[in-house]
Amino acid sequence: MTLRVQILKDKFSQSLGLPFKEVLPESAIRLAISELKIKYKKRLFDPFITLWAFLSQVLDSDKTCHNAVSKIIANLAESDVEIPSSDTSTYCQARARLPEKLLEKLFNYSAQNLEEKVTEEHLWCGRNVKVIDGSTVSMPDTVENQKEYPQPSTQNEGCGFPIAKIGVIFNLVTGAAVALCIQYGSVKPKIR
């Protein structure tokens, strides 16, 4: 399984252009945008191009914005669109405008789509096996992060960084997350 995941990751990171166009179609993104009533202006770095580039950027070994913009330029070279500058500021601004709710909705859509493709032959003794994993992440000590992710009670006030505990339940066959739990400080966990 690990080798298959690595092969797929390598395929996406080494391809020219925006390979996620094939995996996450524009129609799915358009539906999510419509359901969430997200307004956007039609421009070069619209939510579609930006999202496909961002997903490629996350998986690529070269995670720079410059590399992401290069993939966008390679994608646009096939069309009749004016090729943009290699300056990354517009892409970075567009990426910052991607609503978290959109990413969450598309994540759930992708997971559901994968779950629907599981057949009896993929099951273990006829069972759909789920795996639980967890970790913690620390974040920069900013006012916004302190508000959303307060420091644990074990840290002295003003010392340390906000820490979130993350738990995920995912399907062993597809790797699709079934549930995501985030807990921080003494706040009740959020389950998505």
Protein backbone atom coordinates (compact mmCIF):
# COMPACT_ATOMS: atom_id res chain seq x y z
CA MET A 1 0.00 0.00 0.00
CA THR A 2 2.80 2.43 0.92
CA LEU A 3 4.53 1.83 -2.42
CA ARG A 4 1.29 2.51 -4.34
CA VAL A 5 0.78 5.76 -2.43
CA GLN A 6 4.37 6.83 -3.14
CA ILE A 7 4.01 6.02 -6.84
CA LEU A 8 0.81 8.09 -7.04
CA LYS A 9 2.41 10.95 -5.11
CA ASP A 10 5.44 10.88 -7.43
CA LYS A 11 3.17 10.90 -10.49
CA PHE A 12 1.38 14.03 -9.28
CA SER A 13 4.51 15.86 -8.16
CA GLN A 14 6.47 15.13 -11.33
CA SER A 15 3.75 15.96 -13.82
CA LEU A 16 3.65 19.22 -15.71
CA GLY A 17 0.64 21.44 -15.34
CA LEU A 18 -2.16 20.78 -12.87
CA PRO A 19 -2.77 17.01 -12.51
CA PHE A 20 -5.52 17.47 -9.92
CA LYS A 21 -7.82 18.70 -12.71
CA GLU A 22 -8.38 15.02 -13.49
CA VAL A 23 -8.90 13.88 -9.89
CA LEU A 24 -10.98 16.80 -8.60
CA PRO A 25 -13.09 17.95 -11.55
CA GLU A 26 -14.23 21.53 -12.02
CA SER A 27 -17.84 20.35 -11.77
CA ALA A 28 -17.29 19.13 -8.18
CA ILE A 29 -15.62 22.40 -7.19
CA ARG A 30 -18.38 24.41 -8.90
CA LEU A 31 -21.06 22.42 -7.01
CA ALA A 32 -19.30 23.00 -3.66
CA ILE A 33 -18.93 26.73 -4.40
CA SER A 34 -22.64 26.90 -5.27
CA GLU A 35 -23.74 25.00 -2.14
CA LEU A 36 -21.59 27.24 0.08
CA LYS A 37 -22.78 30.37 -1.79
CA ILE A 38 -19.20 31.53 -2.34
CA LYS A 39 -18.81 34.56 -4.56
CA TYR A 40 -15.67 35.03 -6.62
CA LYS A 41 -14.51 37.10 -9.55
CA LYS A 42 -13.65 35.43 -12.81
CA ARG A 43 -9.92 35.95 -13.09
CA LEU A 44 -6.84 33.94 -13.92
CA PHE A 45 -6.34 32.73 -10.35
CA ASP A 46 -9.94 31.66 -9.80
CA PRO A 47 -10.79 29.03 -7.13
CA PHE A 48 -10.35 26.19 -9.63
CA ILE A 49 -6.84 27.00 -10.85
CA THR A 50 -5.76 28.09 -7.36
CA LEU A 51 -7.04 24.93 -5.70
CA TRP A 52 -5.46 22.59 -8.26
CA ALA A 53 -2.14 24.43 -7.93
CA PHE A 54 -2.33 24.41 -4.13
CA LEU A 55 -2.95 20.64 -4.01
CA SER A 56 0.02 20.09 -6.34
CA GLN A 57 2.13 22.39 -4.20
CA VAL A 58 1.33 20.42 -1.03
CA LEU A 59 2.38 17.09 -2.59
CA ASP A 60 5.40 18.36 -4.50
CA SER A 61 8.89 18.01 -3.03
CA ASP A 62 9.44 21.63 -4.13
CA LYS A 63 6.70 23.32 -2.10
CA THR A 64 7.53 26.85 -3.20
CA CYS A 65 4.92 29.22 -4.58
CA HIS A 66 7.24 29.77 -7.54
CA ASN A 67 6.95 26.07 -8.45
CA ALA A 68 3.15 26.22 -8.10
CA VAL A 69 2.98 29.23 -10.44
CA SER A 70 5.25 27.38 -12.89
CA LYS A 71 2.72 24.52 -12.97
CA ILE A 72 -0.08 27.02 -13.66
CA ILE A 73 1.95 28.54 -16.51
CA ALA A 74 2.60 25.05 -17.95
CA ASN A 75 -1.14 24.33 -17.79
CA LEU A 76 -2.03 27.61 -19.49
CA ALA A 77 0.54 27.14 -22.25
CA GLU A 78 -1.90 24.71 -23.91
CA SER A 79 -4.73 27.26 -24.09
CA ASP A 80 -5.27 30.64 -25.72
CA VAL A 81 -4.95 32.50 -22.41
CA GLU A 82 -2.30 35.14 -21.88
CA ILE A 83 0.56 33.63 -19.89
CA PRO A 84 0.91 35.36 -16.51
CA SER A 85 4.07 36.67 -14.93
CA SER A 86 6.07 34.25 -12.82
CA ASP A 87 5.59 36.61 -9.87
CA THR A 88 3.99 34.63 -7.02
CA SER A 89 2.15 37.40 -5.15
CA THR A 90 -1.15 37.06 -7.05
CA TYR A 91 -1.20 33.29 -6.59
CA CYS A 92 -0.41 33.62 -2.86
CA GLN A 93 -3.25 36.14 -2.44
CA ALA A 94 -5.65 33.84 -4.32
CA ARG A 95 -4.59 30.89 -2.16
CA ALA A 96 -5.26 32.92 1.00
CA ARG A 97 -8.77 33.66 -0.33
CA LEU A 98 -9.68 29.96 -0.56
CA PRO A 99 -12.33 29.48 2.13
CA GLU A 100 -11.61 26.72 4.65
CA LYS A 101 -15.24 25.57 4.29
CA LEU A 102 -14.62 24.95 0.57
CA LEU A 103 -11.59 22.80 1.30
CA GLU A 104 -13.56 20.89 3.94
CA LYS A 105 -16.50 20.28 1.59
CA LEU A 106 -14.23 19.06 -1.21
CA PHE A 107 -12.35 16.85 1.24
CA ASN A 108 -15.64 15.24 2.27
CA TYR A 109 -16.72 14.90 -1.38
CA SER A 110 -13.45 13.14 -2.26
CA ALA A 111 -13.67 10.81 0.74
CA GLN A 112 -17.27 9.90 -0.08
CA ASN A 113 -16.36 9.32 -3.74
CA LEU A 114 -13.56 6.94 -2.70
CA GLU A 115 -15.80 5.11 -0.21
CA GLU A 116 -18.36 4.43 -2.95
CA LYS A 117 -15.71 2.67 -5.05
CA VAL A 118 -14.82 0.07 -2.39
CA THR A 119 -15.97 -3.37 -3.50
CA GLU A 120 -16.32 -6.66 -1.61
CA GLU A 121 -12.90 -7.84 -2.83
CA HIS A 122 -11.23 -4.91 -1.03
CA LEU A 123 -12.74 -5.78 2.34
CA TRP A 124 -10.97 -7.79 5.03
CA CYS A 125 -13.10 -10.82 5.92
CA GLY A 126 -16.10 -8.89 4.59
CA ARG A 127 -15.38 -5.92 6.85
CA ASN A 128 -14.48 -2.35 6.01
CA VAL A 129 -11.52 -1.74 8.34
CA LYS A 130 -11.07 1.69 9.91
CA VAL A 131 -7.78 2.91 11.39
CA ILE A 132 -7.32 5.50 14.12
CA ASP A 133 -4.29 7.80 14.24
CA GLY A 134 -3.47 10.92 16.18
CA SER A 135 -0.88 13.61 16.62
CA THR A 136 -0.31 17.11 17.92
CA VAL A 137 0.70 20.25 16.10
CA SER A 138 2.07 23.47 17.48
CA MET A 139 1.35 26.79 15.84
CA PRO A 140 2.93 30.23 15.80
CA ASP A 141 2.19 32.23 18.93
CA THR A 142 -0.13 34.81 17.35
CA VAL A 143 -3.19 36.50 18.85
CA GLU A 144 -5.43 34.77 16.27
CA ASN A 145 -4.00 31.33 17.04
CA GLN A 146 -4.18 31.92 20.80
CA LYS A 147 -7.85 32.84 20.41
CA GLU A 148 -8.75 29.81 18.29
CA TYR A 149 -6.29 27.34 19.89
CA PRO A 150 -5.59 28.43 23.49
CA GLN A 151 -2.48 27.16 25.21
CA PRO A 152 -2.83 23.97 27.24
CA SER A 153 -3.41 24.50 30.97
CA THR A 154 -0.06 22.79 31.60
CA GLN A 155 1.80 25.75 30.07
CA ASN A 156 2.46 28.95 31.97
CA GLU A 157 0.55 31.97 30.66
CA GLY A 158 2.54 33.69 27.91
CA CYS A 159 5.05 30.83 27.57
CA GLY A 160 4.94 28.28 24.80
CA PHE A 161 2.83 27.87 21.74
CA PRO A 162 -0.79 26.91 21.04
CA ILE A 163 -1.07 23.14 20.57
CA ALA A 164 -3.88 21.25 18.84
CA LYS A 165 -4.47 17.51 19.24
CA ILE A 166 -5.64 15.86 16.05
CA GLY A 167 -7.29 12.47 15.75
CA VAL A 168 -8.33 10.88 12.47
CA ILE A 169 -10.36 7.78 11.67
CA PHE A 170 -9.73 6.64 8.12
CA ASN A 171 -10.55 3.78 5.80
CA LEU A 172 -7.66 1.32 5.47
CA VAL A 173 -8.45 0.57 1.81
CA THR A 174 -8.91 4.09 0.46
CA GLY A 175 -7.10 6.21 3.03
CA ALA A 176 -10.15 8.48 3.07
CA ALA A 177 -10.81 10.09 6.43
CA VAL A 178 -14.12 9.14 8.00
CA ALA A 179 -13.86 11.49 10.97
CA LEU A 180 -11.52 14.22 12.13
CA CYS A 181 -11.33 15.39 15.72
CA ILE A 182 -9.43 18.50 16.79
CA GLN A 183 -8.97 19.34 20.46
CA TYR A 184 -7.06 22.24 21.94
CA GLY A 185 -6.52 23.39 25.49
CA SER A 186 -9.45 22.36 27.65
CA VAL A 187 -11.97 23.11 24.89
CA LYS A 188 -14.37 20.33 23.90
CA PRO A 189 -13.17 18.57 20.71
CA LYS A 190 -14.60 19.52 17.32
CA ILE A 191 -15.54 16.50 15.24
CA ARG A 192 -15.82 16.91 11.47
